[in-house]
């Protein structure tokens, strides 16, 4: 829902967001979208700001705005925690095999303990 200026390179921004959570990305986009409005109103009086229409405040975010925000917004979860989460999620997914049994993929027991055995008739 962020209006973008023509100079915004989404591919470059996406590369810089590697490791950011969905909430982190939302913060980056929201903060970037507010910078143009802040620039516009910083020299205005309160009365002038109150007279502005919504359209006058909808200023497209520029590439420099995203780069500025990325300098101060870091990923909220470290890469090691993301990898632990991914390994845990892989281990919690049950696969149905052709020999009529449920199997789990291999996983590191130091990261997450194995799940209890499942009764294959439990979900029929």
C-alpha atoms as a PDB file:
ATOM      1  CA  UNK A   1       0.000   0.000   0.000  1.00  0.00           C
ATOM      2  CA  UNK A   2       3.050   2.256  -0.195  1.00  0.00           C
ATOM      3  CA  UNK A   3       3.171   4.649  -3.129  1.00  0.00           C
ATOM      4  CA  UNK A   4       6.613   4.377  -4.746  1.00  0.00           C
ATOM      5  CA  UNK A   5       8.659   6.926  -6.666  1.00  0.00           C
ATOM      6  CA  UNK A   6      10.000   5.918 -10.083  1.00  0.00           C
ATOM      7  CA  UNK A   7      13.543   5.624  -8.694  1.00  0.00           C
ATOM      8  CA  UNK A   8      12.689   2.781  -6.284  1.00  0.00           C
ATOM      9  CA  UNK A   9      14.466  -0.463  -7.179  1.00  0.00           C
ATOM     10  CA  UNK A  10      12.429  -3.221  -5.501  1.00  0.00           C
ATOM     11  CA  UNK A  11      14.957  -5.913  -6.402  1.00  0.00           C
ATOM     12  CA  UNK A  12      17.735  -4.024  -4.608  1.00  0.00           C
ATOM     13  CA  UNK A  13      15.505  -3.423  -1.595  1.00  0.00           C
ATOM     14  CA  UNK A  14      14.495  -7.109  -1.507  1.00  0.00           C
ATOM     15  CA  UNK A  15      18.161  -8.157  -1.497  1.00  0.00           C
ATOM     16  CA  UNK A  16      18.812  -5.855   1.469  1.00  0.00           C
ATOM     17  CA  UNK A  17      15.831  -7.336   3.349  1.00  0.00           C
ATOM     18  CA  UNK A  18      17.245 -10.862   3.419  1.00  0.00           C
ATOM     19  CA  UNK A  19      16.749 -12.172   6.952  1.00  0.00           C
ATOM     20  CA  UNK A  20      14.086  -9.630   7.893  1.00  0.00           C
ATOM     21  CA  UNK A  21      10.790 -10.943   9.264  1.00  0.00           C
ATOM     22  CA  UNK A  22       7.441  -9.935   7.806  1.00  0.00           C
ATOM     23  CA  UNK A  23       6.988  -7.492  10.692  1.00  0.00           C
ATOM     24  CA  UNK A  24      10.459  -6.012  10.030  1.00  0.00           C
ATOM     25  CA  UNK A  25       9.627  -5.516   6.338  1.00  0.00           C
ATOM     26  CA  UNK A  26       6.339  -3.867   7.271  1.00  0.00           C
ATOM     27  CA  UNK A  27       8.254  -1.462   9.531  1.00  0.00           C
ATOM     28  CA  UNK A  28      10.722  -0.621   6.747  1.00  0.00           C
ATOM     29  CA  UNK A  29       7.918   0.078   4.262  1.00  0.00           C
ATOM     30  CA  UNK A  30       5.810   2.072   6.716  1.00  0.00           C
ATOM     31  CA  UNK A  31       8.750   4.186   7.896  1.00  0.00           C
ATOM     32  CA  UNK A  32       9.922   4.786   4.318  1.00  0.00           C
ATOM     33  CA  UNK A  33       6.463   5.929   3.289  1.00  0.00           C
ATOM     34  CA  UNK A  34       6.359   8.479   6.123  1.00  0.00           C
ATOM     35  CA  UNK A  35       9.650  10.220   5.318  1.00  0.00           C
ATOM     36  CA  UNK A  36       8.277  12.245   2.376  1.00  0.00           C
ATOM     37  CA  UNK A  37       5.372  13.480   4.445  1.00  0.00           C
ATOM     38  CA  UNK A  38       7.695  14.440   7.293  1.00  0.00           C
ATOM     39  CA  UNK A  39       9.891  16.387   4.861  1.00  0.00           C
ATOM     40  CA  UNK A  40       6.856  18.253   3.580  1.00  0.00           C
ATOM     41  CA  UNK A  41       5.438  19.233   6.968  1.00  0.00           C
ATOM     42  CA  UNK A  42       8.674  19.980   8.855  1.00  0.00           C
ATOM     43  CA  UNK A  43       8.619  23.663   7.885  1.00  0.00           C
ATOM     44  CA  UNK A  44       4.837  24.118   8.057  1.00  0.00           C
ATOM     45  CA  UNK A  45       2.755  25.512  10.882  1.00  0.00           C
ATOM     46  CA  UNK A  46       0.167  23.319  12.613  1.00  0.00           C
ATOM     47  CA  UNK A  47      -2.598  25.310  10.963  1.00  0.00           C
ATOM     48  CA  UNK A  48      -1.134  24.700   7.493  1.00  0.00           C
ATOM     49  CA  UNK A  49      -0.683  20.999   8.230  1.00  0.00           C
ATOM     50  CA  UNK A  50      -4.316  20.697   9.307  1.00  0.00           C
ATOM     51  CA  UNK A  51      -5.434  22.223   5.999  1.00  0.00           C
ATOM     52  CA  UNK A  52      -3.615  19.585   3.933  1.00  0.00           C
ATOM     53  CA  UNK A  53      -5.744  17.002   2.173  1.00  0.00           C
ATOM     54  CA  UNK A  54      -5.000  13.311   2.391  1.00  0.00           C
ATOM     55  CA  UNK A  55      -3.807  13.359  -1.231  1.00  0.00           C
ATOM     56  CA  UNK A  56      -1.301  16.125  -0.445  1.00  0.00           C
ATOM     57  CA  UNK A  57       0.219  13.881   2.247  1.00  0.00           C
ATOM     58  CA  UNK A  58       0.429  10.815  -0.002  1.00  0.00           C
ATOM     59  CA  UNK A  59       3.982  11.440  -1.156  1.00  0.00           C
ATOM     60  CA  UNK A  60       5.725   8.551  -2.955  1.00  0.00           C
ATOM     61  CA  UNK A  61       8.559   6.868  -1.068  1.00  0.00           C
ATOM     62  CA  UNK A  62      11.944   7.325  -2.748  1.00  0.00           C
ATOM     63  CA  UNK A  63      14.838   4.896  -2.935  1.00  0.00           C
ATOM     64  CA  UNK A  64      16.847   7.148  -0.629  1.00  0.00           C
ATOM     65  CA  UNK A  65      14.029   6.872   1.942  1.00  0.00           C
ATOM     66  CA  UNK A  66      14.261   3.073   1.952  1.00  0.00           C
ATOM     67  CA  UNK A  67      18.050   3.169   2.189  1.00  0.00           C
ATOM     68  CA  UNK A  68      17.845   5.629   5.080  1.00  0.00           C
ATOM     69  CA  UNK A  69      15.383   3.439   6.975  1.00  0.00           C
ATOM     70  CA  UNK A  70      17.471   0.311   6.331  1.00  0.00           C
ATOM     71  CA  UNK A  71      20.424   2.004   8.062  1.00  0.00           C
ATOM     72  CA  UNK A  72      18.476   2.089  11.320  1.00  0.00           C
ATOM     73  CA  UNK A  73      16.062  -0.869  11.146  1.00  0.00           C
ATOM     74  CA  UNK A  74      17.764  -4.209  11.675  1.00  0.00           C
ATOM     75  CA  UNK A  75      16.277  -7.696  11.477  1.00  0.00           C
ATOM     76  CA  UNK A  76      14.562  -8.508  14.777  1.00  0.00           C
ATOM     77  CA  UNK A  77      15.580 -12.171  14.599  1.00  0.00           C
ATOM     78  CA  UNK A  78      19.156 -13.334  14.070  1.00  0.00           C
ATOM     79  CA  UNK A  79      20.026 -15.798  11.306  1.00  0.00           C
ATOM     80  CA  UNK A  80      20.890 -18.572  13.804  1.00  0.00           C
ATOM     81  CA  UNK A  81      17.421 -18.325  15.358  1.00  0.00           C
ATOM     82  CA  UNK A  82      15.805 -18.428  11.913  1.00  0.00           C
ATOM     83  CA  UNK A  83      17.741 -21.583  11.071  1.00  0.00           C
ATOM     84  CA  UNK A  84      16.706 -23.221  14.357  1.00  0.00           C
ATOM     85  CA  UNK A  85      13.093 -22.313  13.636  1.00  0.00           C
ATOM     86  CA  UNK A  86      13.298 -23.718  10.102  1.00  0.00           C
ATOM     87  CA  UNK A  87      14.835 -26.965  11.365  1.00  0.00           C
ATOM     88  CA  UNK A  88      12.183 -27.267  14.044  1.00  0.00           C
ATOM     89  CA  UNK A  89       9.415 -26.670  11.521  1.00  0.00           C
ATOM     90  CA  UNK A  90      10.872 -29.251   9.159  1.00  0.00           C
ATOM     91  CA  UNK A  91      10.829 -31.778  11.986  1.00  0.00           C
ATOM     92  CA  UNK A  92       7.236 -31.062  12.910  1.00  0.00           C
ATOM     93  CA  UNK A  93       5.933 -31.729   9.407  1.00  0.00           C
ATOM     94  CA  UNK A  94       4.712 -35.272   8.966  1.00  0.00           C
ATOM     95  CA  UNK A  95       5.035 -36.910   5.574  1.00  0.00           C
ATOM     96  CA  UNK A  96       2.771 -39.711   4.427  1.00  0.00           C
ATOM     97  CA  UNK A  97       4.805 -42.343   2.614  1.00  0.00           C
ATOM     98  CA  UNK A  98       3.784 -44.982   0.118  1.00  0.00           C
ATOM     99  CA  UNK A  99       4.183 -47.788   2.686  1.00  0.00           C
ATOM    100  CA  UNK A 100       1.180 -46.420   4.654  1.00  0.00           C
ATOM    101  CA  UNK A 101       3.216 -44.859   7.434  1.00  0.00           C
ATOM    102  CA  UNK A 102       4.022 -41.378   8.626  1.00  0.00           C
ATOM    103  CA  UNK A 103       7.615 -40.237   8.516  1.00  0.00           C
ATOM    104  CA  UNK A 104       9.465 -37.145   9.618  1.00  0.00           C
ATOM    105  CA  UNK A 105      12.531 -35.775   7.851  1.00  0.00           C
ATOM    106  CA  UNK A 106      15.887 -36.023   9.597  1.00  0.00           C
ATOM    107  CA  UNK A 107      16.695 -33.215  11.981  1.00  0.00           C
ATOM    108  CA  UNK A 108      19.285 -32.220  14.518  1.00  0.00           C
ATOM    109  CA  UNK A 109      18.179 -33.445  18.001  1.00  0.00           C
ATOM    110  CA  UNK A 110      20.310 -30.727  19.607  1.00  0.00           C
ATOM    111  CA  UNK A 111      18.151 -28.064  17.989  1.00  0.00           C
ATOM    112  CA  UNK A 112      14.766 -29.561  18.827  1.00  0.00           C
ATOM    113  CA  UNK A 113      13.864 -32.845  20.560  1.00  0.00           C
ATOM    114  CA  UNK A 114      12.122 -35.471  18.435  1.00  0.00           C
ATOM    115  CA  UNK A 115       8.320 -35.512  18.478  1.00  0.00           C
ATOM    116  CA  UNK A 116       6.511 -38.398  20.175  1.00  0.00           C
ATOM    117  CA  UNK A 117       5.562 -41.308  17.904  1.00  0.00           C
ATOM    118  CA  UNK A 118       2.202 -40.872  16.199  1.00  0.00           C
ATOM    119  CA  UNK A 119      -0.551 -43.402  15.788  1.00  0.00           C
ATOM    120  CA  UNK A 120      -1.117 -43.482  12.042  1.00  0.00           C
ATOM    121  CA  UNK A 121      -4.827 -44.164  12.555  1.00  0.00           C
ATOM    122  CA  UNK A 122      -5.185 -41.024  14.694  1.00  0.00           C
ATOM    123  CA  UNK A 123      -6.021 -38.792  11.720  1.00  0.00           C
ATOM    124  CA  UNK A 124      -8.162 -41.103   9.593  1.00  0.00           C
END
